[in-house]
Amino acid sequence: MQTSKKVQCKKCLNKFYQKEIYTIQQFQYKKEPKYKWTLVFFKKLKIDEWDSFCEECIMSYSKKLDDVWNKQKGQVL
């Protein structure tokens, strides 16, 4: 049984349980963009592969990643 929230989201600073951690490493399983591009994108935001986020914040970053990728992809085509 988990009794205390020990991990802090880098974005919203809320605390949550260790089992509820999300990191940008989870984006390596997306078809697009490639993970290497994703790492460069997050590095510009000063986010490291091992930074911890709550579910709400990682979903927000996922949408931002998709929006930037789709915009950039549309400019290339």
N, C-alpha and C. Protein backbone atom coordinates (compact mmCIF):
# COMPACT_ATOMS: atom_id res chain seq x y z
N MET A 1 0.84 -1.19 0.00
CA MET A 1 0.00 0.00 0.00
C MET A 1 0.88 1.25 0.00
N GLN A 2 0.57 2.16 -0.89
CA GLN A 2 1.33 3.40 -0.97
C GLN A 2 0.74 4.40 0.01
N THR A 3 1.60 4.96 0.83
CA THR A 3 1.08 5.85 1.86
C THR A 3 1.38 7.31 1.61
N SER A 4 2.45 7.61 0.88
CA SER A 4 2.76 9.03 0.68
C SER A 4 3.15 9.29 -0.77
N LYS A 5 2.87 10.47 -1.20
CA LYS A 5 3.20 10.89 -2.55
C LYS A 5 4.61 11.49 -2.50
N LYS A 6 5.54 10.85 -3.21
CA LYS A 6 6.93 11.25 -3.09
C LYS A 6 7.52 11.83 -4.37
N VAL A 7 6.85 11.69 -5.48
CA VAL A 7 7.39 12.15 -6.75
C VAL A 7 6.68 13.43 -7.13
N GLN A 8 7.43 14.36 -7.72
CA GLN A 8 6.86 15.65 -8.08
C GLN A 8 6.91 15.85 -9.58
N CYS A 9 5.81 16.30 -10.14
CA CYS A 9 5.72 16.60 -11.56
C CYS A 9 6.57 17.85 -11.84
N LYS A 10 7.40 17.77 -12.87
CA LYS A 10 8.27 18.89 -13.20
C LYS A 10 7.49 20.10 -13.68
N LYS A 11 6.33 19.88 -14.30
CA LYS A 11 5.56 20.99 -14.86
C LYS A 11 4.64 21.64 -13.82
N CYS A 12 3.75 20.89 -13.24
CA CYS A 12 2.75 21.47 -12.33
C CYS A 12 3.18 21.44 -10.87
N LEU A 13 4.23 20.69 -10.57
CA LEU A 13 4.80 20.57 -9.23
C LEU A 13 3.91 19.82 -8.24
N ASN A 14 2.82 19.22 -8.74
CA ASN A 14 2.00 18.37 -7.87
C ASN A 14 2.77 17.11 -7.54
N LYS A 15 2.47 16.56 -6.38
CA LYS A 15 3.13 15.32 -5.96
C LYS A 15 2.21 14.15 -6.29
N PHE A 16 2.84 13.01 -6.60
CA PHE A 16 2.06 11.82 -6.93
C PHE A 16 2.87 10.59 -6.56
N TYR A 17 2.24 9.43 -6.67
CA TYR A 17 2.89 8.17 -6.32
C TYR A 17 3.88 7.74 -7.39
N GLN A 18 4.93 7.08 -6.97
CA GLN A 18 5.99 6.66 -7.87
C GLN A 18 5.47 5.80 -9.03
N LYS A 19 4.48 4.98 -8.78
CA LYS A 19 3.93 4.12 -9.84
C LYS A 19 3.18 4.91 -10.91
N GLU A 20 2.89 6.16 -10.64
CA GLU A 20 2.14 6.99 -11.58
C GLU A 20 3.05 7.90 -12.40
N ILE A 21 4.33 7.62 -12.42
CA ILE A 21 5.31 8.45 -13.14
C ILE A 21 5.15 8.28 -14.65
N TYR A 22 5.24 9.39 -15.35
CA TYR A 22 5.32 9.40 -16.81
C TYR A 22 6.58 10.17 -17.18
N THR A 23 7.29 9.67 -18.18
CA THR A 23 8.48 10.37 -18.69
C THR A 23 8.35 10.46 -20.21
N ILE A 24 9.19 11.28 -20.82
CA ILE A 24 9.12 11.40 -22.27
C ILE A 24 9.63 10.15 -22.97
N GLN A 25 10.24 9.24 -22.23
CA GLN A 25 10.67 7.98 -22.85
C GLN A 25 9.49 7.22 -23.44
N GLN A 26 8.32 7.45 -22.93
CA GLN A 26 7.14 6.76 -23.44
C GLN A 26 6.81 7.16 -24.87
N PHE A 27 7.37 8.27 -25.33
CA PHE A 27 7.14 8.71 -26.70
C PHE A 27 7.95 7.91 -27.72
N GLN A 28 8.87 7.09 -27.26
CA GLN A 28 9.65 6.29 -28.20
C GLN A 28 8.80 5.24 -28.91
N TYR A 29 7.61 4.97 -28.40
CA TYR A 29 6.73 3.97 -29.00
C TYR A 29 5.77 4.58 -30.02
N LYS A 30 5.82 5.89 -30.17
CA LYS A 30 4.96 6.54 -31.18
C LYS A 30 5.54 6.30 -32.57
N LYS A 31 4.67 6.17 -33.53
CA LYS A 31 5.10 5.98 -34.92
C LYS A 31 5.77 7.26 -35.45
N GLU A 32 5.15 8.38 -35.18
CA GLU A 32 5.69 9.68 -35.57
C GLU A 32 5.49 10.65 -34.43
N PRO A 33 6.42 11.56 -34.24
CA PRO A 33 7.73 11.66 -34.88
C PRO A 33 8.69 10.62 -34.31
N LYS A 34 9.82 10.46 -34.97
CA LYS A 34 10.84 9.54 -34.48
C LYS A 34 11.32 10.03 -33.12
N TYR A 35 11.77 9.09 -32.31
CA TYR A 35 12.17 9.42 -30.94
C TYR A 35 13.33 10.41 -30.91
N LYS A 36 14.23 10.31 -31.84
CA LYS A 36 15.38 11.24 -31.89
C LYS A 36 14.88 12.68 -32.05
N TRP A 37 13.90 12.88 -32.92
CA TRP A 37 13.31 14.21 -33.11
C TRP A 37 12.62 14.66 -31.81
N THR A 38 11.94 13.73 -31.18
CA THR A 38 11.25 14.01 -29.92
C THR A 38 12.23 14.49 -28.85
N LEU A 39 13.38 13.84 -28.75
CA LEU A 39 14.39 14.23 -27.77
C LEU A 39 14.89 15.65 -28.01
N VAL A 40 15.10 15.99 -29.27
CA VAL A 40 15.55 17.35 -29.62
C VAL A 40 14.46 18.36 -29.24
N PHE A 41 13.21 18.03 -29.55
CA PHE A 41 12.09 18.91 -29.22
C PHE A 41 12.04 19.19 -27.71
N PHE A 42 12.12 18.13 -26.90
CA PHE A 42 12.02 18.31 -25.46
C PHE A 42 13.27 18.96 -24.87
N LYS A 43 14.40 18.75 -25.49
CA LYS A 43 15.63 19.41 -25.02
C LYS A 43 15.49 20.92 -25.13
N LYS A 44 14.83 21.39 -26.19
CA LYS A 44 14.58 22.83 -26.35
C LYS A 44 13.68 23.37 -25.24
N LEU A 45 12.87 22.50 -24.68
CA LEU A 45 11.98 22.88 -23.57
C LEU A 45 12.64 22.64 -22.20
N LYS A 46 13.92 22.23 -22.25
CA LYS A 46 14.70 21.92 -21.05
C LYS A 46 14.08 20.75 -20.27
N ILE A 47 13.65 19.75 -21.03
CA ILE A 47 13.08 18.54 -20.44
C ILE A 47 13.99 17.37 -20.79
N ASP A 48 14.38 16.63 -19.77
CA ASP A 48 15.27 15.48 -19.92
C ASP A 48 14.44 14.19 -20.00
N GLU A 49 15.05 13.16 -20.53
CA GLU A 49 14.37 11.86 -20.66
C GLU A 49 13.84 11.34 -19.33
N TRP A 50 14.49 11.67 -18.24
CA TRP A 50 14.13 11.09 -16.95
C TRP A 50 13.32 12.02 -16.06
N ASP A 51 12.95 13.18 -16.57
CA ASP A 51 12.09 14.06 -15.78
C ASP A 51 10.72 13.41 -15.59
N SER A 52 10.15 13.61 -14.43
CA SER A 52 8.88 12.97 -14.08
C SER A 52 7.71 13.94 -14.27
N PHE A 53 6.61 13.37 -14.77
CA PHE A 53 5.40 14.16 -14.99
C PHE A 53 4.18 13.37 -14.55
N CYS A 54 3.13 14.09 -14.17
CA CYS A 54 1.85 13.45 -13.89
C CYS A 54 1.16 13.17 -15.23
N GLU A 55 0.10 12.41 -15.18
CA GLU A 55 -0.61 12.03 -16.42
C GLU A 55 -1.14 13.25 -17.17
N GLU A 56 -1.71 14.17 -16.47
CA GLU A 56 -2.29 15.35 -17.12
C GLU A 56 -1.21 16.17 -17.86
N CYS A 57 -0.08 16.36 -17.23
CA CYS A 57 0.98 17.16 -17.85
C CYS A 57 1.64 16.43 -19.02
N ILE A 58 1.83 15.14 -18.91
CA ILE A 58 2.45 14.41 -20.02
C ILE A 58 1.50 14.40 -21.23
N MET A 59 0.20 14.36 -20.97
CA MET A 59 -0.77 14.43 -22.07
C MET A 59 -0.72 15.80 -22.73
N SER A 60 -0.53 16.84 -21.94
CA SER A 60 -0.40 18.19 -22.48
C SER A 60 0.84 18.28 -23.38
N TYR A 61 1.94 17.73 -22.91
CA TYR A 61 3.16 17.73 -23.72
C TYR A 61 3.00 16.87 -24.98
N SER A 62 2.26 15.80 -24.88
CA SER A 62 2.01 14.95 -26.04
C SER A 62 1.26 15.72 -27.12
N LYS A 63 0.27 16.48 -26.70
CA LYS A 63 -0.50 17.29 -27.67
C LYS A 63 0.40 18.36 -28.29
N LYS A 64 1.22 19.01 -27.46
CA LYS A 64 2.13 20.04 -27.97
C LYS A 64 3.12 19.43 -28.97
N LEU A 65 3.64 18.26 -28.65
CA LEU A 65 4.57 17.55 -29.54
C LEU A 65 3.90 17.26 -30.88
N ASP A 66 2.69 16.72 -30.83
CA ASP A 66 1.96 16.40 -32.06
C ASP A 66 1.66 17.65 -32.88
N ASP A 67 1.26 18.72 -32.21
CA ASP A 67 0.95 19.96 -32.92
C ASP A 67 2.18 20.52 -33.65
N VAL A 68 3.31 20.56 -32.97
CA VAL A 68 4.54 21.07 -33.58
C VAL A 68 5.00 20.15 -34.71
N TRP A 69 4.93 18.84 -34.49
CA TRP A 69 5.34 17.88 -35.51
C TRP A 69 4.46 18.02 -36.76
N ASN A 70 3.15 18.07 -36.58
CA ASN A 70 2.24 18.17 -37.71
C ASN A 70 2.43 19.49 -38.47
N LYS A 71 2.67 20.56 -37.75
CA LYS A 71 2.91 21.86 -38.38
C LYS A 71 4.20 21.81 -39.21
N GLN A 72 5.25 21.25 -38.62
CA GLN A 72 6.54 21.17 -39.30
C GLN A 72 6.44 20.22 -40.51
N LYS A 73 5.75 19.11 -40.31
CA LYS A 73 5.59 18.14 -41.40
C LYS A 73 4.82 18.77 -42.56
N GLY A 74 3.81 19.57 -42.24
CA GLY A 74 3.01 20.24 -43.27
C GLY A 74 3.82 21.25 -44.06
N GLN A 75 4.80 21.88 -43.43
CA GLN A 75 5.65 22.85 -44.12
C GLN A 75 6.63 22.17 -45.08
N VAL A 76 7.03 20.96 -44.74
CA VAL A 76 7.98 20.23 -45.59
C VAL A 76 7.30 19.71 -46.85
N LEU A 77 6.04 19.29 -46.70
CA LEU A 77 5.32 18.71 -47.83
C LEU A 77 4.94 19.73 -48.82
